[in-house]
PDB file of N, CA and C in Angstrom:
ATOM      1  N   MET A   1     -31.476  46.147 -53.134  1.00  0.00           N
ATOM      2  CA  MET A   1     -32.822  46.431 -52.740  1.00  0.00           C
ATOM      3  C   MET A   1     -33.182  47.810 -53.269  1.00  0.00           C
ATOM      4  N   LEU A   2     -34.395  47.970 -53.619  1.00  0.00           N
ATOM      5  CA  LEU A   2     -34.849  49.252 -54.127  1.00  0.00           C
ATOM      6  C   LEU A   2     -35.444  50.101 -53.018  1.00  0.00           C
ATOM      7  N   THR A   3     -35.734  51.331 -53.349  1.00  0.00           N
ATOM      8  CA  THR A   3     -36.388  52.261 -52.437  1.00  0.00           C
ATOM      9  C   THR A   3     -35.607  52.393 -51.134  1.00  0.00           C
ATOM     10  N   GLY A   4     -34.353  52.803 -51.257  1.00  0.00           N
ATOM     11  CA  GLY A   4     -33.550  53.069 -50.078  1.00  0.00           C
ATOM     12  C   GLY A   4     -32.821  51.868 -49.517  1.00  0.00           C
ATOM     13  N   GLY A   5     -33.002  50.693 -50.075  1.00  0.00           N
ATOM     14  CA  GLY A   5     -32.281  49.517 -49.623  1.00  0.00           C
ATOM     15  C   GLY A   5     -32.722  48.982 -48.275  1.00  0.00           C
ATOM     16  N   ASP A   6     -33.932  49.294 -47.875  1.00  0.00           N
ATOM     17  CA  ASP A   6     -34.376  48.891 -46.541  1.00  0.00           C
ATOM     18  C   ASP A   6     -35.598  47.982 -46.555  1.00  0.00           C
ATOM     19  N   GLY A   7     -35.972  47.510 -47.729  1.00  0.00           N
ATOM     20  CA  GLY A   7     -37.133  46.633 -47.805  1.00  0.00           C
ATOM     21  C   GLY A   7     -38.450  47.347 -47.944  1.00  0.00           C
ATOM     22  N   THR A   8     -38.426  48.658 -48.113  1.00  0.00           N
ATOM     23  CA  THR A   8     -39.664  49.427 -48.190  1.00  0.00           C
ATOM     24  C   THR A   8     -40.543  48.970 -49.345  1.00  0.00           C
ATOM     25  N   LEU A   9     -39.961  48.783 -50.515  1.00  0.00           N
ATOM     26  CA  LEU A   9     -40.741  48.346 -51.674  1.00  0.00           C
ATOM     27  C   LEU A   9     -41.388  46.997 -51.390  1.00  0.00           C
ATOM     28  N   TYR A  10     -40.620  46.051 -50.865  1.00  0.00           N
ATOM     29  CA  TYR A  10     -41.174  44.738 -50.536  1.00  0.00           C
ATOM     30  C   TYR A  10     -42.305  44.878 -49.514  1.00  0.00           C
ATOM     31  N   SER A  11     -42.118  45.696 -48.513  1.00  0.00           N
ATOM     32  CA  SER A  11     -43.146  45.897 -47.484  1.00  0.00           C
ATOM     33  C   SER A  11     -44.425  46.450 -48.085  1.00  0.00           C
ATOM     34  N   GLN A  12     -44.282  47.396 -48.993  1.00  0.00           N
ATOM     35  CA  GLN A  12     -45.462  47.977 -49.636  1.00  0.00           C
ATOM     36  C   GLN A  12     -46.186  46.943 -50.479  1.00  0.00           C
ATOM     37  N   ILE A  13     -45.431  46.144 -51.224  1.00  0.00           N
ATOM     38  CA  ILE A  13     -46.052  45.098 -52.041  1.00  0.00           C
ATOM     39  C   ILE A  13     -46.736  44.074 -51.139  1.00  0.00           C
ATOM     40  N   SER A  14     -46.087  43.711 -50.038  1.00  0.00           N
ATOM     41  CA  SER A  14     -46.668  42.732 -49.104  1.00  0.00           C
ATOM     42  C   SER A  14     -48.008  43.198 -48.557  1.00  0.00           C
ATOM     43  N   GLU A  15     -48.095  44.472 -48.249  1.00  0.00           N
ATOM     44  CA  GLU A  15     -49.351  45.012 -47.716  1.00  0.00           C
ATOM     45  C   GLU A  15     -50.429  45.051 -48.788  1.00  0.00           C
ATOM     46  N   PHE A  16     -50.047  45.427 -50.008  1.00  0.00           N
ATOM     47  CA  PHE A  16     -51.012  45.583 -51.087  1.00  0.00           C
ATOM     48  C   PHE A  16     -51.443  44.243 -51.681  1.00  0.00           C
ATOM     49  N   ASN A  17     -50.476  43.327 -51.847  1.00  0.00           N
ATOM     50  CA  ASN A  17     -50.765  42.054 -52.498  1.00  0.00           C
ATOM     51  C   ASN A  17     -49.857  40.959 -51.927  1.00  0.00           C
ATOM     52  N   PRO A  18     -50.213  40.380 -50.787  1.00  0.00           N
ATOM     53  CA  PRO A  18     -49.365  39.366 -50.145  1.00  0.00           C
ATOM     54  C   PRO A  18     -49.067  38.156 -51.022  1.00  0.00           C
ATOM     55  N   GLU A  19     -49.998  37.759 -51.871  1.00  0.00           N
ATOM     56  CA  GLU A  19     -49.754  36.613 -52.747  1.00  0.00           C
ATOM     57  C   GLU A  19     -48.665  36.926 -53.769  1.00  0.00           C
ATOM     58  N   PHE A  20     -48.658  38.131 -54.306  1.00  0.00           N
ATOM     59  CA  PHE A  20     -47.611  38.530 -55.243  1.00  0.00           C
ATOM     60  C   PHE A  20     -46.266  38.616 -54.527  1.00  0.00           C
ATOM     61  N   ALA A  21     -46.259  39.090 -53.290  1.00  0.00           N
ATOM     62  CA  ALA A  21     -45.023  39.239 -52.525  1.00  0.00           C
ATOM     63  C   ALA A  21     -44.311  37.902 -52.337  1.00  0.00           C
ATOM     64  N   LYS A  22     -45.065  36.815 -52.323  1.00  0.00           N
ATOM     65  CA  LYS A  22     -44.463  35.483 -52.179  1.00  0.00           C
ATOM     66  C   LYS A  22     -43.595  35.117 -53.375  1.00  0.00           C
ATOM     67  N   ARG A  23     -43.770  35.817 -54.482  1.00  0.00           N
ATOM     68  CA  ARG A  23     -43.024  35.521 -55.709  1.00  0.00           C
ATOM     69  C   ARG A  23     -41.749  36.351 -55.850  1.00  0.00           C
ATOM     70  N   ILE A  24     -41.492  37.214 -54.910  1.00  0.00           N
ATOM     71  CA  ILE A  24     -40.352  38.120 -55.017  1.00  0.00           C
ATOM     72  C   ILE A  24     -39.065  37.445 -54.550  1.00  0.00           C
ATOM     73  N   VAL A  25     -38.027  37.614 -55.338  1.00  0.00           N
ATOM     74  CA  VAL A  25     -36.677  37.191 -54.972  1.00  0.00           C
ATOM     75  C   VAL A  25     -35.810  38.440 -55.089  1.00  0.00           C
ATOM     76  N   SER A  26     -35.141  38.814 -54.021  1.00  0.00           N
ATOM     77  CA  SER A  26     -34.275  39.988 -54.033  1.00  0.00           C
ATOM     78  C   SER A  26     -32.822  39.555 -54.153  1.00  0.00           C
ATOM     79  N   ALA A  27     -32.016  40.415 -54.733  1.00  0.00           N
ATOM     80  CA  ALA A  27     -30.577  40.188 -54.808  1.00  0.00           C
ATOM     81  C   ALA A  27     -29.890  41.423 -54.233  1.00  0.00           C
ATOM     82  N   THR A  28     -28.895  41.198 -53.404  1.00  0.00           N
ATOM     83  CA  THR A  28     -28.224  42.301 -52.730  1.00  0.00           C
ATOM     84  C   THR A  28     -26.727  42.049 -52.645  1.00  0.00           C
ATOM     85  N   VAL A  29     -25.973  43.104 -52.510  1.00  0.00           N
ATOM     86  CA  VAL A  29     -24.532  42.964 -52.275  1.00  0.00           C
ATOM     87  C   VAL A  29     -24.239  42.978 -50.782  1.00  0.00           C
ATOM     88  N   GLY A  30     -25.266  43.186 -49.980  1.00  0.00           N
ATOM     89  CA  GLY A  30     -25.100  43.182 -48.534  1.00  0.00           C
ATOM     90  C   GLY A  30     -26.016  44.189 -47.877  1.00  0.00           C
ATOM     91  N   ALA A  31     -26.252  43.993 -46.612  1.00  0.00           N
ATOM     92  CA  ALA A  31     -27.096  44.897 -45.839  1.00  0.00           C
ATOM     93  C   ALA A  31     -26.186  45.798 -45.009  1.00  0.00           C
ATOM     94  N   PHE A  32     -26.164  47.080 -45.340  1.00  0.00           N
ATOM     95  CA  PHE A  32     -25.204  47.987 -44.727  1.00  0.00           C
ATOM     96  C   PHE A  32     -25.791  48.897 -43.656  1.00  0.00           C
ATOM     97  N   THR A  33     -27.088  49.074 -43.643  1.00  0.00           N
ATOM     98  CA  THR A  33     -27.699  49.912 -42.609  1.00  0.00           C
ATOM     99  C   THR A  33     -28.406  49.014 -41.601  1.00  0.00           C
ATOM    100  N   ASP A  34     -28.682  49.544 -40.430  1.00  0.00           N
ATOM    101  CA  ASP A  34     -29.400  48.770 -39.418  1.00  0.00           C
ATOM    102  C   ASP A  34     -30.767  48.332 -39.931  1.00  0.00           C
ATOM    103  N   GLN A  35     -31.453  49.235 -40.619  1.00  0.00           N
ATOM    104  CA  GLN A  35     -32.776  48.907 -41.140  1.00  0.00           C
ATOM    105  C   GLN A  35     -32.684  47.811 -42.201  1.00  0.00           C
ATOM    106  N   ALA A  36     -31.682  47.883 -43.064  1.00  0.00           N
ATOM    107  CA  ALA A  36     -31.506  46.854 -44.091  1.00  0.00           C
ATOM    108  C   ALA A  36     -31.145  45.517 -43.464  1.00  0.00           C
ATOM    109  N   ARG A  37     -30.260  45.521 -42.463  1.00  0.00           N
ATOM    110  CA  ARG A  37     -29.904  44.274 -41.782  1.00  0.00           C
ATOM    111  C   ARG A  37     -31.124  43.657 -41.109  1.00  0.00           C
ATOM    112  N   GLN A  38     -31.950  44.481 -40.507  1.00  0.00           N
ATOM    113  CA  GLN A  38     -33.161  43.982 -39.858  1.00  0.00           C
ATOM    114  C   GLN A  38     -34.105  43.376 -40.892  1.00  0.00           C
ATOM    115  N   PHE A  39     -34.242  44.022 -42.032  1.00  0.00           N
ATOM    116  CA  PHE A  39     -35.097  43.492 -43.091  1.00  0.00           C
ATOM    117  C   PHE A  39     -34.605  42.127 -43.554  1.00  0.00           C
ATOM    118  N   VAL A  40     -33.306  42.005 -43.788  1.00  0.00           N
ATOM    119  CA  VAL A  40     -32.743  40.738 -44.253  1.00  0.00           C
ATOM    120  C   VAL A  40     -32.910  39.662 -43.191  1.00  0.00           C
ATOM    121  N   GLU A  41     -32.705  40.021 -41.938  1.00  0.00           N
ATOM    122  CA  GLU A  41     -32.800  39.053 -40.849  1.00  0.00           C
ATOM    123  C   GLU A  41     -34.218  38.511 -40.680  1.00  0.00           C
ATOM    124  N   TYR A  42     -35.218  39.367 -40.856  1.00  0.00           N
ATOM    125  CA  TYR A  42     -36.606  38.963 -40.622  1.00  0.00           C
ATOM    126  C   TYR A  42     -37.405  38.838 -41.912  1.00  0.00           C
ATOM    127  N   ARG A  43     -36.725  38.568 -43.010  1.00  0.00           N
ATOM    128  CA  ARG A  43     -37.379  38.502 -44.318  1.00  0.00           C
ATOM    129  C   ARG A  43     -38.359  37.335 -44.375  1.00  0.00           C
ATOM    130  N   SER A  44     -39.309  37.485 -45.273  1.00  0.00           N
ATOM    131  CA  SER A  44     -40.244  36.383 -45.510  1.00  0.00           C
ATOM    132  C   SER A  44     -40.196  35.952 -46.974  1.00  0.00           C
ATOM    133  N   HIS A  45     -39.147  36.375 -47.681  1.00  0.00           N
ATOM    134  CA  HIS A  45     -38.962  35.960 -49.066  1.00  0.00           C
ATOM    135  C   HIS A  45     -37.486  35.674 -49.288  1.00  0.00           C
ATOM    136  N   LEU A  46     -37.167  35.158 -50.467  1.00  0.00           N
ATOM    137  CA  LEU A  46     -35.782  34.800 -50.768  1.00  0.00           C
ATOM    138  C   LEU A  46     -34.926  36.032 -51.031  1.00  0.00           C
ATOM    139  N   ILE A  47     -33.733  36.018 -50.480  1.00  0.00           N
ATOM    140  CA  ILE A  47     -32.751  37.066 -50.754  1.00  0.00           C
ATOM    141  C   ILE A  47     -31.454  36.374 -51.142  1.00  0.00           C
ATOM    142  N   LEU A  48     -30.978  36.675 -52.343  1.00  0.00           N
ATOM    143  CA  LEU A  48     -29.726  36.126 -52.845  1.00  0.00           C
ATOM    144  C   LEU A  48     -28.637  37.172 -52.701  1.00  0.00           C
ATOM    145  N   THR A  49     -27.426  36.724 -52.444  1.00  0.00           N
ATOM    146  CA  THR A  49     -26.290  37.638 -52.336  1.00  0.00           C
ATOM    147  C   THR A  49     -25.528  37.645 -53.655  1.00  0.00           C
ATOM    148  N   LYS A  50     -25.314  38.842 -54.187  1.00  0.00           N
ATOM    149  CA  LYS A  50     -24.582  38.992 -55.451  1.00  0.00           C
ATOM    150  C   LYS A  50     -23.117  38.691 -55.241  1.00  0.00           C
ATOM    151  N   PRO A  51     -22.429  38.185 -56.251  1.00  0.00           N
ATOM    152  CA  PRO A  51     -22.952  37.841 -57.566  1.00  0.00           C
ATOM    153  C   PRO A  51     -23.787  36.570 -57.503  1.00  0.00           C
ATOM    154  N   VAL A  52     -24.819  36.516 -58.307  1.00  0.00           N
ATOM    155  CA  VAL A  52     -25.737  35.385 -58.333  1.00  0.00           C
ATOM    156  C   VAL A  52     -25.487  34.585 -59.608  1.00  0.00           C
ATOM    157  N   SER A  53     -25.246  33.299 -59.447  1.00  0.00           N
ATOM    158  CA  SER A  53     -25.024  32.440 -60.615  1.00  0.00           C
ATOM    159  C   SER A  53     -26.363  32.056 -61.233  1.00  0.00           C
ATOM    160  N   SER A  54     -26.315  31.570 -62.457  1.00  0.00           N
ATOM    161  CA  SER A  54     -27.549  31.126 -63.102  1.00  0.00           C
ATOM    162  C   SER A  54     -28.138  29.925 -62.352  1.00  0.00           C
ATOM    163  N   ALA A  55     -27.288  29.081 -61.800  1.00  0.00           N
ATOM    164  CA  ALA A  55     -27.779  27.934 -61.025  1.00  0.00           C
ATOM    165  C   ALA A  55     -28.525  28.407 -59.772  1.00  0.00           C
ATOM    166  N   GLN A  56     -27.982  29.406 -59.088  1.00  0.00           N
ATOM    167  CA  GLN A  56     -28.662  29.948 -57.908  1.00  0.00           C
ATOM    168  C   GLN A  56     -30.005  30.562 -58.296  1.00  0.00           C
ATOM    169  N   SER A  57     -30.030  31.255 -59.424  1.00  0.00           N
ATOM    170  CA  SER A  57     -31.278  31.860 -59.903  1.00  0.00           C
ATOM    171  C   SER A  57     -32.311  30.784 -60.195  1.00  0.00           C
ATOM    172  N   GLN A  58     -31.884  29.720 -60.842  1.00  0.00           N
ATOM    173  CA  GLN A  58     -32.809  28.636 -61.183  1.00  0.00           C
ATOM    174  C   GLN A  58     -33.366  27.967 -59.928  1.00  0.00           C
ATOM    175  N   VAL A  59     -32.520  27.759 -58.928  1.00  0.00           N
ATOM    176  CA  VAL A  59     -32.985  27.167 -57.669  1.00  0.00           C
ATOM    177  C   VAL A  59     -33.997  28.089 -56.997  1.00  0.00           C
ATOM    178  N   ALA A  60     -33.715  29.380 -56.975  1.00  0.00           N
ATOM    179  CA  ALA A  60     -34.625  30.345 -56.352  1.00  0.00           C
ATOM    180  C   ALA A  60     -35.963  30.378 -57.079  1.00  0.00           C
ATOM    181  N   ILE A  61     -35.923  30.388 -58.396  1.00  0.00           N
ATOM    182  CA  ILE A  61     -37.165  30.396 -59.177  1.00  0.00           C
ATOM    183  C   ILE A  61     -37.961  29.114 -58.920  1.00  0.00           C
ATOM    184  N   GLY A  62     -37.277  27.981 -58.875  1.00  0.00           N
ATOM    185  CA  GLY A  62     -37.953  26.722 -58.570  1.00  0.00           C
ATOM    186  C   GLY A  62     -38.602  26.741 -57.200  1.00  0.00           C
ATOM    187  N   HIS A  63     -37.904  27.303 -56.230  1.00  0.00           N
ATOM    188  CA  HIS A  63     -38.450  27.408 -54.871  1.00  0.00           C
ATOM    189  C   HIS A  63     -39.723  28.256 -54.869  1.00  0.00           C
ATOM    190  N   VAL A  64     -39.675  29.389 -55.549  1.00  0.00           N
ATOM    191  CA  VAL A  64     -40.840  30.275 -55.609  1.00  0.00           C
ATOM    192  C   VAL A  64     -42.005  29.569 -56.306  1.00  0.00           C
ATOM    193  N   LEU A  65     -41.726  28.885 -57.392  1.00  0.00           N
ATOM    194  CA  LEU A  65     -42.798  28.187 -58.102  1.00  0.00           C
ATOM    195  C   LEU A  65     -43.443  27.112 -57.239  1.00  0.00           C
ATOM    196  N   ARG A  66     -42.615  26.341 -56.528  1.00  0.00           N
ATOM    197  CA  ARG A  66     -43.171  25.313 -55.637  1.00  0.00           C
ATOM    198  C   ARG A  66     -43.944  25.946 -54.484  1.00  0.00           C
ATOM    199  N   ALA A  67     -43.424  27.006 -53.918  1.00  0.00           N
ATOM    200  CA  ALA A  67     -44.072  27.660 -52.769  1.00  0.00           C
ATOM    201  C   ALA A  67     -45.410  28.291 -53.140  1.00  0.00           C
ATOM    202  N   THR A  68     -45.553  28.654 -54.405  1.00  0.00           N
ATOM    203  CA  THR A  68     -46.800  29.281 -54.843  1.00  0.00           C
ATOM    204  C   THR A  68     -47.685  28.329 -55.628  1.00  0.00           C
ATOM    205  N   GLY A  69     -47.314  27.033 -55.640  1.00  0.00           N
ATOM    206  CA  GLY A  69     -48.131  26.022 -56.303  1.00  0.00           C
ATOM    207  C   GLY A  69     -48.130  26.104 -57.805  1.00  0.00           C
ATOM    208  N   GLN A  70     -47.047  26.623 -58.372  1.00  0.00           N
ATOM    209  CA  GLN A  70     -46.975  26.790 -59.824  1.00  0.00           C
ATOM    210  C   GLN A  70     -45.966  25.869 -60.480  1.00  0.00           C
ATOM    211  N   ASP A  71     -45.508  24.862 -59.775  1.00  0.00           N
ATOM    212  CA  ASP A  71     -44.491  23.974 -60.351  1.00  0.00           C
ATOM    213  C   ASP A  71     -45.066  22.973 -61.287  1.00  0.00           C
TER     214      ASP A  71
END
């Protein structure tokens, strides 16, 4: 996660452009702080755990495309 690993960047994007936020897929090695764990627990977008395979990436992209009506 960027911007401190606590979901701040995602939160800012969600506030500014909620439709764009629906297209975000995050990848993480784990949530190590309380704030990061809370973000992962109450997320509203896809979060993949590293290492991420190409198959997992393709499934996530397909999910985002279907969820946003772009399939």
